[in-house]
Amino acid sequence: MICPRCKAENGTRTICSKCGYYMYHPDVLNRVKMTKGERAKEDAKIIWKKIFRVLRVVWMILVVIVMSLVILGVLLWIFPNASLG
């Protein structure tokens, strides 16, 4: 690949060894077309990542609630005559 900025020859490199210019720009011309099955797999990966993020947040909220109830139960067991209000 020849660098468009400094005209240095870089072989198969995508970053110029002389000036550091990034020569590869992912656009429609450089992209390899994906088949319908490959697109479906990529879409499924994206959906599962989002579901996993939501489930992780729900899990954290549940852990906080359960731990709060456990701590409250232990405190009420240690101090049975204490009032909550």
N, C-alpha and C. Protein backbone atom coordinates (compact mmCIF):
# COMPACT_ATOMS: atom_id res chain seq x y z
N MET A 1 0.84 -1.17 0.00
CA MET A 1 0.00 0.00 0.00
C MET A 1 0.89 1.24 0.00
N ILE A 2 0.55 2.20 -0.81
CA ILE A 2 1.29 3.45 -0.86
C ILE A 2 0.53 4.50 -0.05
N CYS A 3 1.25 5.16 0.83
CA CYS A 3 0.64 6.17 1.71
C CYS A 3 0.21 7.37 0.88
N PRO A 4 -1.06 7.80 1.00
CA PRO A 4 -1.51 8.96 0.23
C PRO A 4 -0.93 10.28 0.75
N ARG A 5 -0.45 10.28 1.98
CA ARG A 5 0.09 11.51 2.56
C ARG A 5 1.55 11.73 2.16
N CYS A 6 2.42 10.72 2.42
CA CYS A 6 3.86 10.90 2.18
C CYS A 6 4.39 10.07 1.01
N LYS A 7 3.54 9.28 0.39
CA LYS A 7 3.87 8.45 -0.78
C LYS A 7 4.90 7.36 -0.49
N ALA A 8 5.03 6.93 0.77
CA ALA A 8 5.97 5.87 1.13
C ALA A 8 5.32 4.51 0.86
N GLU A 9 6.12 3.54 0.41
CA GLU A 9 5.63 2.18 0.18
C GLU A 9 5.61 1.44 1.51
N ASN A 10 4.47 0.79 1.83
CA ASN A 10 4.30 0.12 3.11
C ASN A 10 3.96 -1.35 3.00
N GLY A 11 4.03 -1.92 1.82
CA GLY A 11 3.68 -3.33 1.67
C GLY A 11 2.21 -3.56 2.00
N THR A 12 1.94 -4.47 2.93
CA THR A 12 0.56 -4.77 3.31
C THR A 12 0.14 -4.06 4.59
N ARG A 13 0.99 -3.21 5.12
CA ARG A 13 0.67 -2.49 6.35
C ARG A 13 -0.47 -1.52 6.10
N THR A 14 -1.28 -1.29 7.12
CA THR A 14 -2.37 -0.33 7.00
C THR A 14 -2.04 0.99 7.67
N ILE A 15 -0.93 1.03 8.43
CA ILE A 15 -0.46 2.26 9.05
C ILE A 15 0.91 2.56 8.45
N CYS A 16 1.07 3.78 7.98
CA CYS A 16 2.32 4.16 7.32
C CYS A 16 3.48 4.10 8.30
N SER A 17 4.57 3.45 7.87
CA SER A 17 5.75 3.33 8.74
C SER A 17 6.54 4.63 8.80
N LYS A 18 6.32 5.53 7.86
CA LYS A 18 7.07 6.78 7.82
C LYS A 18 6.35 7.91 8.58
N CYS A 19 5.06 8.13 8.26
CA CYS A 19 4.35 9.27 8.87
C CYS A 19 3.26 8.86 9.86
N GLY A 20 2.91 7.56 9.92
CA GLY A 20 1.90 7.09 10.87
C GLY A 20 0.48 7.27 10.42
N TYR A 21 0.26 7.62 9.16
CA TYR A 21 -1.09 7.82 8.64
C TYR A 21 -1.83 6.49 8.58
N TYR A 22 -3.08 6.50 9.00
CA TYR A 22 -3.91 5.30 8.97
C TYR A 22 -4.54 5.21 7.59
N MET A 23 -4.08 4.26 6.78
CA MET A 23 -4.47 4.20 5.37
C MET A 23 -5.75 3.44 5.10
N TYR A 24 -6.14 2.56 5.99
CA TYR A 24 -7.34 1.76 5.76
C TYR A 24 -8.54 2.46 6.36
N HIS A 25 -9.53 2.73 5.56
CA HIS A 25 -10.77 3.34 6.03
C HIS A 25 -11.91 2.38 5.72
N PRO A 26 -12.55 1.83 6.74
CA PRO A 26 -13.64 0.88 6.49
C PRO A 26 -14.85 1.60 5.91
N ASP A 27 -15.10 1.41 4.67
CA ASP A 27 -16.30 1.96 4.05
C ASP A 27 -16.89 0.88 3.14
N VAL A 28 -17.86 1.24 2.39
CA VAL A 28 -18.56 0.26 1.55
C VAL A 28 -17.61 -0.37 0.54
N LEU A 29 -16.64 0.37 0.06
CA LEU A 29 -15.73 -0.18 -0.95
C LEU A 29 -14.76 -1.21 -0.38
N ASN A 30 -14.36 -1.06 0.88
CA ASN A 30 -13.39 -1.98 1.48
C ASN A 30 -14.04 -3.18 2.17
N ARG A 31 -15.30 -3.11 2.44
CA ARG A 31 -15.98 -4.12 3.22
C ARG A 31 -16.30 -5.36 2.41
N VAL A 32 -16.21 -6.52 3.04
CA VAL A 32 -16.64 -7.76 2.43
C VAL A 32 -18.10 -7.96 2.79
N LYS A 33 -18.92 -8.22 1.81
CA LYS A 33 -20.36 -8.40 2.06
C LYS A 33 -20.59 -9.62 2.93
N MET A 34 -21.47 -9.46 3.92
CA MET A 34 -21.84 -10.57 4.79
C MET A 34 -23.05 -11.27 4.21
N THR A 35 -23.10 -12.58 4.42
CA THR A 35 -24.27 -13.31 3.98
C THR A 35 -25.40 -13.08 4.98
N LYS A 36 -26.57 -13.50 4.62
CA LYS A 36 -27.73 -13.31 5.50
C LYS A 36 -27.54 -14.06 6.82
N GLY A 37 -26.96 -15.24 6.76
CA GLY A 37 -26.71 -16.02 7.97
C GLY A 37 -25.69 -15.36 8.88
N GLU A 38 -24.63 -14.80 8.27
CA GLU A 38 -23.61 -14.10 9.07
C GLU A 38 -24.19 -12.86 9.74
N ARG A 39 -25.04 -12.13 9.01
CA ARG A 39 -25.70 -10.96 9.61
C ARG A 39 -26.59 -11.37 10.76
N ALA A 40 -27.31 -12.48 10.60
CA ALA A 40 -28.18 -12.95 11.68
C ALA A 40 -27.37 -13.34 12.91
N LYS A 41 -26.21 -13.98 12.71
CA LYS A 41 -25.34 -14.34 13.84
C LYS A 41 -24.82 -13.10 14.55
N GLU A 42 -24.39 -12.09 13.80
CA GLU A 42 -23.89 -10.86 14.40
C GLU A 42 -25.00 -10.13 15.16
N ASP A 43 -26.21 -10.11 14.59
CA ASP A 43 -27.35 -9.49 15.27
C ASP A 43 -27.66 -10.21 16.57
N ALA A 44 -27.60 -11.55 16.54
CA ALA A 44 -27.88 -12.33 17.74
C ALA A 44 -26.84 -12.05 18.82
N LYS A 45 -25.56 -11.91 18.42
CA LYS A 45 -24.52 -11.58 19.39
C LYS A 45 -24.80 -10.25 20.06
N ILE A 46 -25.19 -9.25 19.27
CA ILE A 46 -25.47 -7.92 19.81
C ILE A 46 -26.65 -7.98 20.78
N ILE A 47 -27.69 -8.70 20.40
CA ILE A 47 -28.87 -8.81 21.27
C ILE A 47 -28.52 -9.51 22.57
N TRP A 48 -27.75 -10.61 22.51
CA TRP A 48 -27.38 -11.32 23.73
C TRP A 48 -26.50 -10.47 24.64
N LYS A 49 -25.63 -9.64 24.05
CA LYS A 49 -24.80 -8.76 24.87
C LYS A 49 -25.68 -7.77 25.63
N LYS A 50 -26.69 -7.22 24.96
CA LYS A 50 -27.58 -6.26 25.63
C LYS A 50 -28.41 -6.95 26.71
N ILE A 51 -28.90 -8.16 26.42
CA ILE A 51 -29.67 -8.91 27.42
C ILE A 51 -28.79 -9.21 28.63
N PHE A 52 -27.53 -9.60 28.38
CA PHE A 52 -26.61 -9.91 29.47
C PHE A 52 -26.37 -8.68 30.34
N ARG A 53 -26.23 -7.50 29.73
CA ARG A 53 -26.04 -6.27 30.50
C ARG A 53 -27.24 -5.99 31.39
N VAL A 54 -28.44 -6.15 30.84
CA VAL A 54 -29.65 -5.90 31.63
C VAL A 54 -29.75 -6.90 32.78
N LEU A 55 -29.48 -8.17 32.50
CA LEU A 55 -29.54 -9.18 33.55
C LEU A 55 -28.49 -8.95 34.63
N ARG A 56 -27.34 -8.44 34.25
CA ARG A 56 -26.31 -8.14 35.23
C ARG A 56 -26.76 -7.03 36.18
N VAL A 57 -27.43 -6.01 35.64
CA VAL A 57 -27.94 -4.92 36.48
C VAL A 57 -29.04 -5.43 37.40
N VAL A 58 -29.94 -6.25 36.86
CA VAL A 58 -31.01 -6.82 37.68
C VAL A 58 -30.41 -7.68 38.80
N TRP A 59 -29.38 -8.46 38.48
CA TRP A 59 -28.72 -9.31 39.47
C TRP A 59 -28.12 -8.45 40.59
N MET A 60 -27.47 -7.35 40.23
CA MET A 60 -26.87 -6.48 41.24
C MET A 60 -27.94 -5.87 42.15
N ILE A 61 -29.05 -5.46 41.56
CA ILE A 61 -30.14 -4.89 42.37
C ILE A 61 -30.69 -5.94 43.33
N LEU A 62 -30.88 -7.17 42.85
CA LEU A 62 -31.37 -8.23 43.73
C LEU A 62 -30.40 -8.54 44.86
N VAL A 63 -29.12 -8.54 44.56
CA VAL A 63 -28.11 -8.80 45.59
C VAL A 63 -28.16 -7.70 46.65
N VAL A 64 -28.28 -6.46 46.24
CA VAL A 64 -28.35 -5.35 47.19
C VAL A 64 -29.59 -5.47 48.07
N ILE A 65 -30.72 -5.81 47.48
CA ILE A 65 -31.96 -5.95 48.26
C ILE A 65 -31.83 -7.09 49.26
N VAL A 66 -31.34 -8.24 48.82
CA VAL A 66 -31.22 -9.40 49.72
C VAL A 66 -30.22 -9.10 50.84
N MET A 67 -29.10 -8.50 50.50
CA MET A 67 -28.11 -8.18 51.53
C MET A 67 -28.67 -7.17 52.53
N SER A 68 -29.45 -6.22 52.07
CA SER A 68 -30.06 -5.25 52.98
C SER A 68 -31.02 -5.95 53.94
N LEU A 69 -31.81 -6.88 53.42
CA LEU A 69 -32.74 -7.61 54.28
C LEU A 69 -32.00 -8.50 55.28
N VAL A 70 -30.90 -9.10 54.86
CA VAL A 70 -30.10 -9.93 55.76
C VAL A 70 -29.50 -9.08 56.87
N ILE A 71 -28.94 -7.94 56.50
CA ILE A 71 -28.35 -7.05 57.51
C ILE A 71 -29.42 -6.55 58.46
N LEU A 72 -30.59 -6.18 57.95
CA LEU A 72 -31.69 -5.74 58.80
C LEU A 72 -32.13 -6.85 59.75
N GLY A 73 -32.21 -8.08 59.24
CA GLY A 73 -32.58 -9.22 60.08
C GLY A 73 -31.57 -9.48 61.18
N VAL A 74 -30.29 -9.38 60.85
CA VAL A 74 -29.24 -9.59 61.86
C VAL A 74 -29.30 -8.49 62.91
N LEU A 75 -29.48 -7.26 62.48
CA LEU A 75 -29.56 -6.15 63.43
C LEU A 75 -30.78 -6.30 64.35
N LEU A 76 -31.90 -6.73 63.80
CA LEU A 76 -33.09 -6.93 64.63
C LEU A 76 -32.93 -8.10 65.56
N TRP A 77 -32.15 -9.09 65.15
CA TRP A 77 -31.90 -10.25 66.01
C TRP A 77 -30.97 -9.86 67.16
N ILE A 78 -29.96 -9.01 66.83
CA ILE A 78 -29.01 -8.58 67.88
C ILE A 78 -29.68 -7.59 68.82
N PHE A 79 -30.44 -6.68 68.29
CA PHE A 79 -31.11 -5.66 69.10
C PHE A 79 -32.63 -5.84 68.96
N PRO A 80 -33.22 -6.81 69.68
CA PRO A 80 -34.65 -7.10 69.49
C PRO A 80 -35.57 -5.99 69.99
N ASN A 81 -35.13 -5.15 70.89
CA ASN A 81 -36.00 -4.11 71.44
C ASN A 81 -35.89 -2.80 70.70
N ALA A 82 -35.09 -2.73 69.65
CA ALA A 82 -34.92 -1.48 68.92
C ALA A 82 -36.14 -1.22 68.04
N SER A 83 -36.50 0.04 67.95
CA SER A 83 -37.64 0.40 67.09
C SER A 83 -37.13 0.85 65.74
N LEU A 84 -37.92 0.63 64.71
CA LEU A 84 -37.51 1.02 63.36
C LEU A 84 -37.84 2.46 63.06
N GLY A 85 -38.60 3.11 63.86
CA GLY A 85 -39.01 4.48 63.55
C GLY A 85 -38.63 5.43 64.54
